Amino acid sequence: MVAVAQLIPDDPQEQASVLAVLREHPELRGFIAKASAKAEELFPGASMHLDTVQYDEWDPPLTLIVNAPAPWPEYQASRDRFIHWLVEQPEFDLDRMLVMPQWTGDLDTAP
């Protein structure tokens, strides 16, 4: 399982921003650990990190970005399972955190 500390960016400014959100919402740490473990299970070889960039005023303060290097068909199936799992989690709150799987696989595997 990925420790939450491993998901915090190295850049000092980004790190401070993520840590501020985690201090304000300490309950997110448990969910982040749970979601990252599920992401590792469904997206073998995925890399993950936390981000606080908000593109719109309604965006949550924290995003867990999951970069999945799987072939496109596998990514689609895993993404669907992951999203279904996410929405069933009682502690998942889109007002506080977004979990965003992103495909980073080989373009040759795409339709």
PDB file of N, CA and C in Angstrom:
ATOM      1  N   MET A   1       0.843  -1.180   0.000  1.00  0.00           N
ATOM      2  CA  MET A   1       0.000   0.000   0.000  1.00  0.00           C
ATOM      3  C   MET A   1       0.885   1.238   0.000  1.00  0.00           C
ATOM      4  N   VAL A   2       0.475   2.260  -0.747  1.00  0.00           N
ATOM      5  CA  VAL A   2       1.197   3.515  -0.824  1.00  0.00           C
ATOM      6  C   VAL A   2       0.887   4.333   0.426  1.00  0.00           C
ATOM      7  N   ALA A   3       1.919   4.832   1.079  1.00  0.00           N
ATOM      8  CA  ALA A   3       1.711   5.713   2.215  1.00  0.00           C
ATOM      9  C   ALA A   3       1.319   7.093   1.693  1.00  0.00           C
ATOM     10  N   VAL A   4       0.455   7.762   2.416  1.00  0.00           N
ATOM     11  CA  VAL A   4       0.000   9.086   1.991  1.00  0.00           C
ATOM     12  C   VAL A   4       1.188  10.025   1.809  1.00  0.00           C
ATOM     13  N   ALA A   5       2.202   9.909   2.644  1.00  0.00           N
ATOM     14  CA  ALA A   5       3.381  10.775   2.541  1.00  0.00           C
ATOM     15  C   ALA A   5       4.066  10.637   1.182  1.00  0.00           C
ATOM     16  N   GLN A   6       4.008   9.460   0.577  1.00  0.00           N
ATOM     17  CA  GLN A   6       4.630   9.247  -0.734  1.00  0.00           C
ATOM     18  C   GLN A   6       3.871   9.951  -1.852  1.00  0.00           C
ATOM     19  N   LEU A   7       2.636  10.340  -1.616  1.00  0.00           N
ATOM     20  CA  LEU A   7       1.811  10.982  -2.633  1.00  0.00           C
ATOM     21  C   LEU A   7       1.936  12.501  -2.615  1.00  0.00           C
ATOM     22  N   ILE A   8       2.589  13.027  -1.594  1.00  0.00           N
ATOM     23  CA  ILE A   8       2.751  14.473  -1.453  1.00  0.00           C
ATOM     24  C   ILE A   8       3.857  14.939  -2.398  1.00  0.00           C
ATOM     25  N   PRO A   9       3.605  16.008  -3.160  1.00  0.00           N
ATOM     26  CA  PRO A   9       4.599  16.489  -4.132  1.00  0.00           C
ATOM     27  C   PRO A   9       5.917  16.898  -3.478  1.00  0.00           C
ATOM     28  N   ASP A  10       6.993  16.851  -4.253  1.00  0.00           N
ATOM     29  CA  ASP A  10       8.314  17.252  -3.766  1.00  0.00           C
ATOM     30  C   ASP A  10       8.504  18.766  -3.781  1.00  0.00           C
ATOM     31  N   ASP A  11       7.861  19.444  -4.727  1.00  0.00           N
ATOM     32  CA  ASP A  11       7.994  20.897  -4.817  1.00  0.00           C
ATOM     33  C   ASP A  11       7.515  21.528  -3.500  1.00  0.00           C
ATOM     34  N   PRO A  12       8.346  22.356  -2.864  1.00  0.00           N
ATOM     35  CA  PRO A  12       7.995  22.910  -1.540  1.00  0.00           C
ATOM     36  C   PRO A  12       6.668  23.672  -1.511  1.00  0.00           C
ATOM     37  N   GLN A  13       6.377  24.446  -2.534  1.00  0.00           N
ATOM     38  CA  GLN A  13       5.134  25.211  -2.561  1.00  0.00           C
ATOM     39  C   GLN A  13       3.922  24.283  -2.698  1.00  0.00           C
ATOM     40  N   GLU A  14       4.015  23.307  -3.593  1.00  0.00           N
ATOM     41  CA  GLU A  14       2.926  22.340  -3.763  1.00  0.00           C
ATOM     42  C   GLU A  14       2.772  21.487  -2.497  1.00  0.00           C
ATOM     43  N   GLN A  15       3.899  21.121  -1.919  1.00  0.00           N
ATOM     44  CA  GLN A  15       3.887  20.326  -0.694  1.00  0.00           C
ATOM     45  C   GLN A  15       3.163  21.079   0.419  1.00  0.00           C
ATOM     46  N   ALA A  16       3.479  22.344   0.580  1.00  0.00           N
ATOM     47  CA  ALA A  16       2.833  23.156   1.615  1.00  0.00           C
ATOM     48  C   ALA A  16       1.330  23.245   1.384  1.00  0.00           C
ATOM     49  N   SER A  17       0.936  23.375   0.129  1.00  0.00           N
ATOM     50  CA  SER A  17      -0.479  23.471  -0.219  1.00  0.00           C
ATOM     51  C   SER A  17      -1.220  22.172   0.122  1.00  0.00           C
ATOM     52  N   VAL A  18      -0.641  21.037  -0.252  1.00  0.00           N
ATOM     53  CA  VAL A  18      -1.255  19.733   0.046  1.00  0.00           C
ATOM     54  C   VAL A  18      -1.321  19.514   1.557  1.00  0.00           C
ATOM     55  N   LEU A  19      -0.248  19.803   2.248  1.00  0.00           N
ATOM     56  CA  LEU A  19      -0.227  19.602   3.701  1.00  0.00           C
ATOM     57  C   LEU A  19      -1.248  20.494   4.402  1.00  0.00           C
ATOM     58  N   ALA A  20      -1.453  21.704   3.896  1.00  0.00           N
ATOM     59  CA  ALA A  20      -2.461  22.595   4.485  1.00  0.00           C
ATOM     60  C   ALA A  20      -3.858  21.986   4.353  1.00  0.00           C
ATOM     61  N   VAL A  21      -4.162  21.419   3.188  1.00  0.00           N
ATOM     62  CA  VAL A  21      -5.470  20.785   2.995  1.00  0.00           C
ATOM     63  C   VAL A  21      -5.606  19.575   3.914  1.00  0.00           C
ATOM     64  N   LEU A  22      -4.553  18.789   4.034  1.00  0.00           N
ATOM     65  CA  LEU A  22      -4.612  17.606   4.908  1.00  0.00           C
ATOM     66  C   LEU A  22      -4.754  17.998   6.378  1.00  0.00           C
ATOM     67  N   ARG A  23      -4.170  19.121   6.776  1.00  0.00           N
ATOM     68  CA  ARG A  23      -4.355  19.597   8.158  1.00  0.00           C
ATOM     69  C   ARG A  23      -5.797  20.051   8.375  1.00  0.00           C
ATOM     70  N   GLU A  24      -6.362  20.702   7.367  1.00  0.00           N
ATOM     71  CA  GLU A  24      -7.738  21.186   7.467  1.00  0.00           C
ATOM     72  C   GLU A  24      -8.750  20.035   7.428  1.00  0.00           C
ATOM     73  N   HIS A  25      -8.408  18.968   6.715  1.00  0.00           N
ATOM     74  CA  HIS A  25      -9.298  17.805   6.560  1.00  0.00           C
ATOM     75  C   HIS A  25      -8.533  16.525   6.905  1.00  0.00           C
ATOM     76  N   PRO A  26      -8.208  16.308   8.169  1.00  0.00           N
ATOM     77  CA  PRO A  26      -7.406  15.131   8.548  1.00  0.00           C
ATOM     78  C   PRO A  26      -8.087  13.799   8.216  1.00  0.00           C
ATOM     79  N   GLU A  27      -9.408  13.818   8.086  1.00  0.00           N
ATOM     80  CA  GLU A  27     -10.145  12.588   7.761  1.00  0.00           C
ATOM     81  C   GLU A  27      -9.828  12.095   6.355  1.00  0.00           C
ATOM     82  N   LEU A  28      -9.280  12.957   5.509  1.00  0.00           N
ATOM     83  CA  LEU A  28      -8.958  12.549   4.141  1.00  0.00           C
ATOM     84  C   LEU A  28      -7.808  11.547   4.081  1.00  0.00           C
ATOM     85  N   ARG A  29      -6.909  11.582   5.051  1.00  0.00           N
ATOM     86  CA  ARG A  29      -5.745  10.680   5.018  1.00  0.00           C
ATOM     87  C   ARG A  29      -6.161   9.219   4.922  1.00  0.00           C
ATOM     88  N   GLY A  30      -7.131   8.819   5.720  1.00  0.00           N
ATOM     89  CA  GLY A  30      -7.596   7.429   5.687  1.00  0.00           C
ATOM     90  C   GLY A  30      -8.205   7.065   4.350  1.00  0.00           C
ATOM     91  N   PHE A  31      -9.012   7.970   3.802  1.00  0.00           N
ATOM     92  CA  PHE A  31      -9.612   7.696   2.507  1.00  0.00           C
ATOM     93  C   PHE A  31      -8.566   7.671   1.405  1.00  0.00           C
ATOM     94  N   ILE A  32      -7.586   8.554   1.470  1.00  0.00           N
ATOM     95  CA  ILE A  32      -6.506   8.572   0.473  1.00  0.00           C
ATOM     96  C   ILE A  32      -5.751   7.245   0.491  1.00  0.00           C
ATOM     97  N   ALA A  33      -5.454   6.745   1.673  1.00  0.00           N
ATOM     98  CA  ALA A  33      -4.755   5.459   1.790  1.00  0.00           C
ATOM     99  C   ALA A  33      -5.604   4.335   1.194  1.00  0.00           C
ATOM    100  N   LYS A  34      -6.892   4.362   1.485  1.00  0.00           N
ATOM    101  CA  LYS A  34      -7.805   3.328   0.977  1.00  0.00           C
ATOM    102  C   LYS A  34      -7.942   3.418  -0.546  1.00  0.00           C
ATOM    103  N   ALA A  35      -8.124   4.624  -1.067  1.00  0.00           N
ATOM    104  CA  ALA A  35      -8.297   4.811  -2.514  1.00  0.00           C
ATOM    105  C   ALA A  35      -7.013   4.491  -3.276  1.00  0.00           C
ATOM    106  N   SER A  36      -5.869   4.855  -2.716  1.00  0.00           N
ATOM    107  CA  SER A  36      -4.609   4.561  -3.411  1.00  0.00           C
ATOM    108  C   SER A  36      -4.332   3.057  -3.416  1.00  0.00           C
ATOM    109  N   ALA A  37      -4.717   2.363  -2.344  1.00  0.00           N
ATOM    110  CA  ALA A  37      -4.554   0.906  -2.317  1.00  0.00           C
ATOM    111  C   ALA A  37      -5.443   0.249  -3.379  1.00  0.00           C
ATOM    112  N   LYS A  38      -6.663   0.736  -3.511  1.00  0.00           N
ATOM    113  CA  LYS A  38      -7.569   0.188  -4.532  1.00  0.00           C
ATOM    114  C   LYS A  38      -7.031   0.496  -5.929  1.00  0.00           C
ATOM    115  N   ALA A  39      -6.494   1.701  -6.115  1.00  0.00           N
ATOM    116  CA  ALA A  39      -5.913   2.071  -7.410  1.00  0.00           C
ATOM    117  C   ALA A  39      -4.737   1.163  -7.754  1.00  0.00           C
ATOM    118  N   GLU A  40      -3.886   0.862  -6.777  1.00  0.00           N
ATOM    119  CA  GLU A  40      -2.758  -0.054  -7.022  1.00  0.00           C
ATOM    120  C   GLU A  40      -3.255  -1.424  -7.440  1.00  0.00           C
ATOM    121  N   GLU A  41      -4.344  -1.868  -6.824  1.00  0.00           N
ATOM    122  CA  GLU A  41      -4.914  -3.180  -7.142  1.00  0.00           C
ATOM    123  C   GLU A  41      -5.455  -3.212  -8.574  1.00  0.00           C
ATOM    124  N   LEU A  42      -6.170  -2.164  -8.970  1.00  0.00           N
ATOM    125  CA  LEU A  42      -6.830  -2.142 -10.274  1.00  0.00           C
ATOM    126  C   LEU A  42      -5.951  -1.644 -11.412  1.00  0.00           C
ATOM    127  N   PHE A  43      -4.950  -0.834 -11.088  1.00  0.00           N
ATOM    128  CA  PHE A  43      -4.059  -0.265 -12.107  1.00  0.00           C
ATOM    129  C   PHE A  43      -2.608  -0.631 -11.769  1.00  0.00           C
ATOM    130  N   PRO A  44      -2.192  -1.869 -11.998  1.00  0.00           N
ATOM    131  CA  PRO A  44      -0.817  -2.257 -11.672  1.00  0.00           C
ATOM    132  C   PRO A  44       0.187  -1.332 -12.368  1.00  0.00           C
ATOM    133  N   GLY A  45       1.170  -0.891 -11.606  1.00  0.00           N
ATOM    134  CA  GLY A  45       2.198  -0.016 -12.153  1.00  0.00           C
ATOM    135  C   GLY A  45       1.814   1.447 -12.190  1.00  0.00           C
ATOM    136  N   ALA A  46       0.667   1.788 -11.632  1.00  0.00           N
ATOM    137  CA  ALA A  46       0.219   3.181 -11.642  1.00  0.00           C
ATOM    138  C   ALA A  46       1.104   4.043 -10.744  1.00  0.00           C
ATOM    139  N   SER A  47       1.225   5.305 -11.129  1.00  0.00           N
ATOM    140  CA  SER A  47       1.860   6.291 -10.252  1.00  0.00           C
ATOM    141  C   SER A  47       0.756   7.232  -9.791  1.00  0.00           C
ATOM    142  N   MET A  48       0.897   7.752  -8.585  1.00  0.00           N
ATOM    143  CA  MET A  48      -0.143   8.598  -8.005  1.00  0.00           C
ATOM    144  C   MET A  48       0.489   9.786  -7.304  1.00  0.00           C
ATOM    145  N   HIS A  49      -0.260  10.877  -7.257  1.00  0.00           N
ATOM    146  CA  HIS A  49       0.164  12.031  -6.468  1.00  0.00           C
ATOM    147  C   HIS A  49      -1.049  12.889  -6.111  1.00  0.00           C
ATOM    148  N   LEU A  50      -0.850  13.701  -5.090  1.00  0.00           N
ATOM    149  CA  LEU A  50      -1.889  14.617  -4.644  1.00  0.00           C
ATOM    150  C   LEU A  50      -1.642  15.993  -5.243  1.00  0.00           C
ATOM    151  N   ASP A  51      -2.717  16.711  -5.526  1.00  0.00           N
ATOM    152  CA  ASP A  51      -2.630  18.015  -6.168  1.00  0.00           C
ATOM    153  C   ASP A  51      -3.719  18.921  -5.583  1.00  0.00           C
ATOM    154  N   THR A  52      -3.430  20.205  -5.476  1.00  0.00           N
ATOM    155  CA  THR A  52      -4.413  21.146  -4.948  1.00  0.00           C
ATOM    156  C   THR A  52      -4.864  22.179  -5.971  1.00  0.00           C
ATOM    157  N   VAL A  53      -4.499  22.001  -7.230  1.00  0.00           N
ATOM    158  CA  VAL A  53      -4.907  22.955  -8.257  1.00  0.00           C
ATOM    159  C   VAL A  53      -6.427  22.880  -8.431  1.00  0.00           C
ATOM    160  N   GLN A  54      -7.065  24.039  -8.345  1.00  0.00           N
ATOM    161  CA  GLN A  54      -8.507  24.132  -8.561  1.00  0.00           C
ATOM    162  C   GLN A  54      -8.718  24.982  -9.806  1.00  0.00           C
ATOM    163  N   TYR A  55      -9.273  24.388 -10.847  1.00  0.00           N
ATOM    164  CA  TYR A  55      -9.477  25.090 -12.108  1.00  0.00           C
ATOM    165  C   TYR A  55     -10.758  25.920 -12.105  1.00  0.00           C
ATOM    166  N   ASP A  56     -11.719  25.516 -11.307  1.00  0.00           N
ATOM    167  CA  ASP A  56     -12.975  26.251 -11.163  1.00  0.00           C
ATOM    168  C   ASP A  56     -13.271  26.393  -9.677  1.00  0.00           C
ATOM    169  N   GLU A  57     -14.098  27.363  -9.333  1.00  0.00           N
ATOM    170  CA  GLU A  57     -14.384  27.614  -7.914  1.00  0.00           C
ATOM    171  C   GLU A  57     -15.103  26.452  -7.237  1.00  0.00           C
ATOM    172  N   TRP A  58     -15.733  25.576  -8.001  1.00  0.00           N
ATOM    173  CA  TRP A  58     -16.439  24.435  -7.411  1.00  0.00           C
ATOM    174  C   TRP A  58     -15.565  23.185  -7.306  1.00  0.00           C
ATOM    175  N   ASP A  59     -14.339  23.254  -7.795  1.00  0.00           N
ATOM    176  CA  ASP A  59     -13.440  22.101  -7.667  1.00  0.00           C
ATOM    177  C   ASP A  59     -13.090  21.871  -6.202  1.00  0.00           C
ATOM    178  N   PRO A  60     -12.966  20.604  -5.803  1.00  0.00           N
ATOM    179  CA  PRO A  60     -12.596  20.319  -4.414  1.00  0.00           C
ATOM    180  C   PRO A  60     -11.156  20.762  -4.139  1.00  0.00           C
ATOM    181  N   PRO A  61     -10.799  20.911  -2.875  1.00  0.00           N
ATOM    182  CA  PRO A  61      -9.461  21.407  -2.542  1.00  0.00           C
ATOM    183  C   PRO A  61      -8.328  20.419  -2.802  1.00  0.00           C
ATOM    184  N   LEU A  62      -8.645  19.141  -2.990  1.00  0.00           N
ATOM    185  CA  LEU A  62      -7.589  18.144  -3.154  1.00  0.00           C
ATOM    186  C   LEU A  62      -7.980  17.135  -4.231  1.00  0.00           C
ATOM    187  N   THR A  63      -6.985  16.725  -5.018  1.00  0.00           N
ATOM    188  CA  THR A  63      -7.199  15.710  -6.050  1.00  0.00           C
ATOM    189  C   THR A  63      -6.138  14.636  -5.925  1.00  0.00           C
ATOM    190  N   LEU A  64      -6.569  13.390  -5.966  1.00  0.00           N
ATOM    191  CA  LEU A  64      -5.658  12.252  -6.071  1.00  0.00           C
ATOM    192  C   LEU A  64      -5.631  11.877  -7.542  1.00  0.00           C
ATOM    193  N   ILE A  65      -4.479  12.080  -8.176  1.00  0.00           N
ATOM    194  CA  ILE A  65      -4.327  11.759  -9.593  1.00  0.00           C
ATOM    195  C   ILE A  65      -3.658  10.396  -9.710  1.00  0.00           C
ATOM    196  N   VAL A  66      -4.292   9.509 -10.461  1.00  0.00           N
ATOM    197  CA  VAL A  66      -3.795   8.151 -10.678  1.00  0.00           C
ATOM    198  C   VAL A  66      -3.416   8.030 -12.152  1.00  0.00           C
ATOM    199  N   ASN A  67      -2.131   7.913 -12.445  1.00  0.00           N
ATOM    200  CA  ASN A  67      -1.651   7.730 -13.816  1.00  0.00           C
ATOM    201  C   ASN A  67      -1.508   6.241 -14.086  1.00  0.00           C
ATOM    202  N   ALA A  68      -2.368   5.738 -14.967  1.00  0.00           N
ATOM    203  CA  ALA A  68      -2.438   4.298 -15.223  1.00  0.00           C
ATOM    204  C   ALA A  68      -1.825   3.960 -16.576  1.00  0.00           C
ATOM    205  N   PRO A  69      -0.732   3.182 -16.597  1.00  0.00           N
ATOM    206  CA  PRO A  69      -0.045   2.859 -17.844  1.00  0.00           C
ATOM    207  C   PRO A  69      -0.574   1.629 -18.580  1.00  0.00           C
ATOM    208  N   ALA A  70      -1.764   1.203 -18.272  1.00  0.00           N
ATOM    209  CA  ALA A  70      -2.319  -0.024 -18.867  1.00  0.00           C
ATOM    210  C   ALA A  70      -2.704   0.183 -20.331  1.00  0.00           C
ATOM    211  N   PRO A  71      -2.790  -0.903 -21.090  1.00  0.00           N
ATOM    212  CA  PRO A  71      -3.368  -0.802 -22.438  1.00  0.00           C
ATOM    213  C   PRO A  71      -4.805  -0.276 -22.340  1.00  0.00           C
ATOM    214  N   TRP A  72      -5.254   0.424 -23.364  1.00  0.00           N
ATOM    215  CA  TRP A  72      -6.553   1.097 -23.338  1.00  0.00           C
ATOM    216  C   TRP A  72      -7.718   0.206 -22.896  1.00  0.00           C
ATOM    217  N   PRO A  73      -7.910  -0.989 -23.470  1.00  0.00           N
ATOM    218  CA  PRO A  73      -9.068  -1.806 -23.051  1.00  0.00           C
ATOM    219  C   PRO A  73      -9.011  -2.170 -21.558  1.00  0.00           C
ATOM    220  N   GLU A  74      -7.819  -2.491 -21.072  1.00  0.00           N
ATOM    221  CA  GLU A  74      -7.673  -2.817 -19.645  1.00  0.00           C
ATOM    222  C   GLU A  74      -7.936  -1.590 -18.781  1.00  0.00           C
ATOM    223  N   TYR A  75      -7.434  -0.437 -19.231  1.00  0.00           N
ATOM    224  CA  TYR A  75      -7.652   0.803 -18.484  1.00  0.00           C
ATOM    225  C   TYR A  75      -9.142   1.094 -18.364  1.00  0.00           C
ATOM    226  N   GLN A  76      -9.865   0.993 -19.477  1.00  0.00           N
ATOM    227  CA  GLN A  76     -11.304   1.284 -19.460  1.00  0.00           C
ATOM    228  C   GLN A  76     -12.041   0.400 -18.457  1.00  0.00           C
ATOM    229  N   ALA A  77     -11.751  -0.879 -18.485  1.00  0.00           N
ATOM    230  CA  ALA A  77     -12.418  -1.814 -17.573  1.00  0.00           C
ATOM    231  C   ALA A  77     -12.053  -1.509 -16.119  1.00  0.00           C
ATOM    232  N   SER A  78     -10.778  -1.259 -15.875  1.00  0.00           N
ATOM    233  CA  SER A  78     -10.332  -0.955 -14.510  1.00  0.00           C
ATOM    234  C   SER A  78     -10.879   0.383 -14.036  1.00  0.00           C
ATOM    235  N   ARG A  79     -10.917   1.361 -14.933  1.00  0.00           N
ATOM    236  CA  ARG A  79     -11.462   2.677 -14.575  1.00  0.00           C
ATOM    237  C   ARG A  79     -12.924   2.544 -14.164  1.00  0.00           C
ATOM    238  N   ASP A  80     -13.693   1.775 -14.913  1.00  0.00           N
ATOM    239  CA  ASP A  80     -15.104   1.590 -14.584  1.00  0.00           C
ATOM    240  C   ASP A  80     -15.259   0.922 -13.211  1.00  0.00           C
ATOM    241  N   ARG A  81     -14.462  -0.126 -12.957  1.00  0.00           N
ATOM    242  CA  ARG A  81     -14.522  -0.790 -11.642  1.00  0.00           C
ATOM    243  C   ARG A  81     -14.113   0.173 -10.530  1.00  0.00           C
ATOM    244  N   PHE A  82     -13.088   0.978 -10.789  1.00  0.00           N
ATOM    245  CA  PHE A  82     -12.596   1.926  -9.788  1.00  0.00           C
ATOM    246  C   PHE A  82     -13.654   2.990  -9.474  1.00  0.00           C
ATOM    247  N   ILE A  83     -14.276   3.550 -10.486  1.00  0.00           N
ATOM    248  CA  ILE A  83     -15.313   4.567 -10.281  1.00  0.00           C
ATOM    249  C   ILE A  83     -16.497   3.971  -9.514  1.00  0.00           C
ATOM    250  N   HIS A  84     -16.917   2.766  -9.888  1.00  0.00           N
ATOM    251  CA  HIS A  84     -18.018   2.125  -9.154  1.00  0.00           C
ATOM    252  C   HIS A  84     -17.641   1.903  -7.694  1.00  0.00           C
ATOM    253  N   TRP A  85     -16.397   1.485  -7.457  1.00  0.00           N
ATOM    254  CA  TRP A  85     -15.938   1.295  -6.087  1.00  0.00           C
ATOM    255  C   TRP A  85     -15.951   2.632  -5.341  1.00  0.00           C
ATOM    256  N   LEU A  86     -15.435   3.688  -5.969  1.00  0.00           N
ATOM    257  CA  LEU A  86     -15.351   5.011  -5.326  1.00  0.00           C
ATOM    258  C   LEU A  86     -16.704   5.502  -4.845  1.00  0.00           C
ATOM    259  N   VAL A  87     -17.690   5.471  -5.726  1.00  0.00           N
ATOM    260  CA  VAL A  87     -18.988   6.052  -5.371  1.00  0.00           C
ATOM    261  C   VAL A  87     -19.710   5.240  -4.293  1.00  0.00           C
ATOM    262  N   GLU A  88     -19.270   4.027  -4.055  1.00  0.00           N
ATOM    263  CA  GLU A  88     -19.862   3.212  -2.992  1.00  0.00           C
ATOM    264  C   GLU A  88     -19.213   3.463  -1.631  1.00  0.00           C
ATOM    265  N   GLN A  89     -18.146   4.246  -1.597  1.00  0.00           N
ATOM    266  CA  GLN A  89     -17.443   4.501  -0.343  1.00  0.00           C
ATOM    267  C   GLN A  89     -18.136   5.631   0.417  1.00  0.00           C
ATOM    268  N   PRO A  90     -18.599   5.369   1.638  1.00  0.00           N
ATOM    269  CA  PRO A  90     -19.337   6.403   2.372  1.00  0.00           C
ATOM    270  C   PRO A  90     -18.488   7.633   2.697  1.00  0.00           C
ATOM    271  N   GLU A  91     -17.176   7.480   2.793  1.00  0.00           N
ATOM    272  CA  GLU A  91     -16.329   8.627   3.131  1.00  0.00           C
ATOM    273  C   GLU A  91     -15.883   9.435   1.910  1.00  0.00           C
ATOM    274  N   PHE A  92     -16.268   9.005   0.723  1.00  0.00           N
ATOM    275  CA  PHE A  92     -15.915   9.733  -0.487  1.00  0.00           C
ATOM    276  C   PHE A  92     -16.823  10.953  -0.610  1.00  0.00           C
ATOM    277  N   ASP A  93     -16.217  12.136  -0.599  1.00  0.00           N
ATOM    278  CA  ASP A  93     -16.953  13.393  -0.627  1.00  0.00           C
ATOM    279  C   ASP A  93     -16.356  14.288  -1.704  1.00  0.00           C
ATOM    280  N   LEU A  94     -17.074  14.455  -2.800  1.00  0.00           N
ATOM    281  CA  LEU A  94     -16.587  15.259  -3.921  1.00  0.00           C
ATOM    282  C   LEU A  94     -16.427  16.739  -3.575  1.00  0.00           C
ATOM    283  N   ASP A  95     -16.984  17.180  -2.481  1.00  0.00           N
ATOM    284  CA  ASP A  95     -16.778  18.561  -2.058  1.00  0.00           C
ATOM    285  C   ASP A  95     -15.390  18.756  -1.450  1.00  0.00           C
ATOM    286  N   ARG A  96     -14.778  17.658  -1.014  1.00  0.00           N
ATOM    287  CA  ARG A  96     -13.452  17.743  -0.393  1.00  0.00           C
ATOM    288  C   ARG A  96     -12.344  17.150  -1.239  1.00  0.00           C
ATOM    289  N   MET A  97     -12.676  16.164  -2.079  1.00  0.00           N
ATOM    290  CA  MET A  97     -11.613  15.482  -2.812  1.00  0.00           C
ATOM    291  C   MET A  97     -12.132  14.851  -4.098  1.00  0.00           C
ATOM    292  N   LEU A  98     -11.319  14.970  -5.137  1.00  0.00           N
ATOM    293  CA  LEU A  98     -11.578  14.331  -6.417  1.00  0.00           C
ATOM    294  C   LEU A  98     -10.530  13.239  -6.604  1.00  0.00           C
ATOM    295  N   VAL A  99     -10.944  12.111  -7.113  1.00  0.00           N
ATOM    296  CA  VAL A  99     -10.006  11.045  -7.466  1.00  0.00           C
ATOM    297  C   VAL A  99     -10.091  10.899  -8.979  1.00  0.00           C
ATOM    298  N   MET A 100      -8.956  11.117  -9.649  1.00  0.00           N
ATOM    299  CA  MET A 100      -8.980  11.186 -11.097  1.00  0.00           C
ATOM    300  C   MET A 100      -8.005  10.190 -11.736  1.00  0.00           C
ATOM    301  N   PRO A 101      -8.536   9.062 -12.225  1.00  0.00           N
ATOM    302  CA  PRO A 101      -7.678   8.160 -12.995  1.00  0.00           C
ATOM    303  C   PRO A 101      -7.406   8.755 -14.380  1.00  0.00           C
ATOM    304  N   GLN A 102      -6.154   8.693 -14.797  1.00  0.00           N
ATOM    305  CA  GLN A 102      -5.761   9.184 -16.111  1.00  0.00           C
ATOM    306  C   GLN A 102      -5.019   8.084 -16.850  1.00  0.00           C
ATOM    307  N   TRP A 103      -5.371   7.895 -18.089  1.00  0.00           N
ATOM    308  CA  TRP A 103      -4.707   6.883 -18.899  1.00  0.00           C
ATOM    309  C   TRP A 103      -3.360   7.405 -19.381  1.00  0.00           C
ATOM    310  N   THR A 104      -2.311   6.659 -19.148  1.00  0.00           N
ATOM    311  CA  THR A 104      -0.969   7.021 -19.616  1.00  0.00           C
ATOM    312  C   THR A 104      -0.354   5.869 -20.411  1.00  0.00           C
ATOM    313  N   GLY A 105      -1.212   5.016 -20.928  1.00  0.00           N
ATOM    314  CA  GLY A 105      -0.753   3.836 -21.675  1.00  0.00           C
ATOM    315  C   GLY A 105      -0.302   4.165 -23.087  1.00  0.00           C
ATOM    316  N   ASP A 106       0.093   3.135 -23.787  1.00  0.00           N
ATOM    317  CA  ASP A 106       0.588   3.229 -25.146  1.00  0.00           C
ATOM    318  C   ASP A 106      -0.546   3.578 -26.116  1.00  0.00           C
ATOM    319  N   LEU A 107      -0.354   4.624 -26.908  1.00  0.00           N
ATOM    320  CA  LEU A 107      -1.379   5.047 -27.869  1.00  0.00           C
ATOM    321  C   LEU A 107      -1.733   3.960 -28.879  1.00  0.00           C
ATOM    322  N   ASP A 108      -0.814   3.058 -29.133  1.00  0.00           N
ATOM    323  CA  ASP A 108      -1.078   1.965 -30.076  1.00  0.00           C
ATOM    324  C   ASP A 108      -2.178   1.023 -29.583  1.00  0.00           C
ATOM    325  N   THR A 109      -2.502   1.080 -28.288  1.00  0.00           N
ATOM    326  CA  THR A 109      -3.537   0.198 -27.745  1.00  0.00           C
ATOM    327  C   THR A 109      -4.908   0.834 -27.796  1.00  0.00           C
ATOM    328  N   ALA A 110      -4.986   2.113 -28.196  1.00  0.00           N
ATOM    329  CA  ALA A 110      -6.258   2.817 -28.259  1.00  0.00           C
ATOM    330  C   ALA A 110      -6.986   2.507 -29.569  1.00  0.00           C
ATOM    331  N   PRO A 111      -8.309   2.576 -29.565  1.00  0.00           N
ATOM    332  CA  PRO A 111      -9.069   2.301 -30.796  1.00  0.00           C
ATOM    333  C   PRO A 111      -8.849   3.375 -31.846  1.00  0.00           C
TER     334      PRO A 111
END
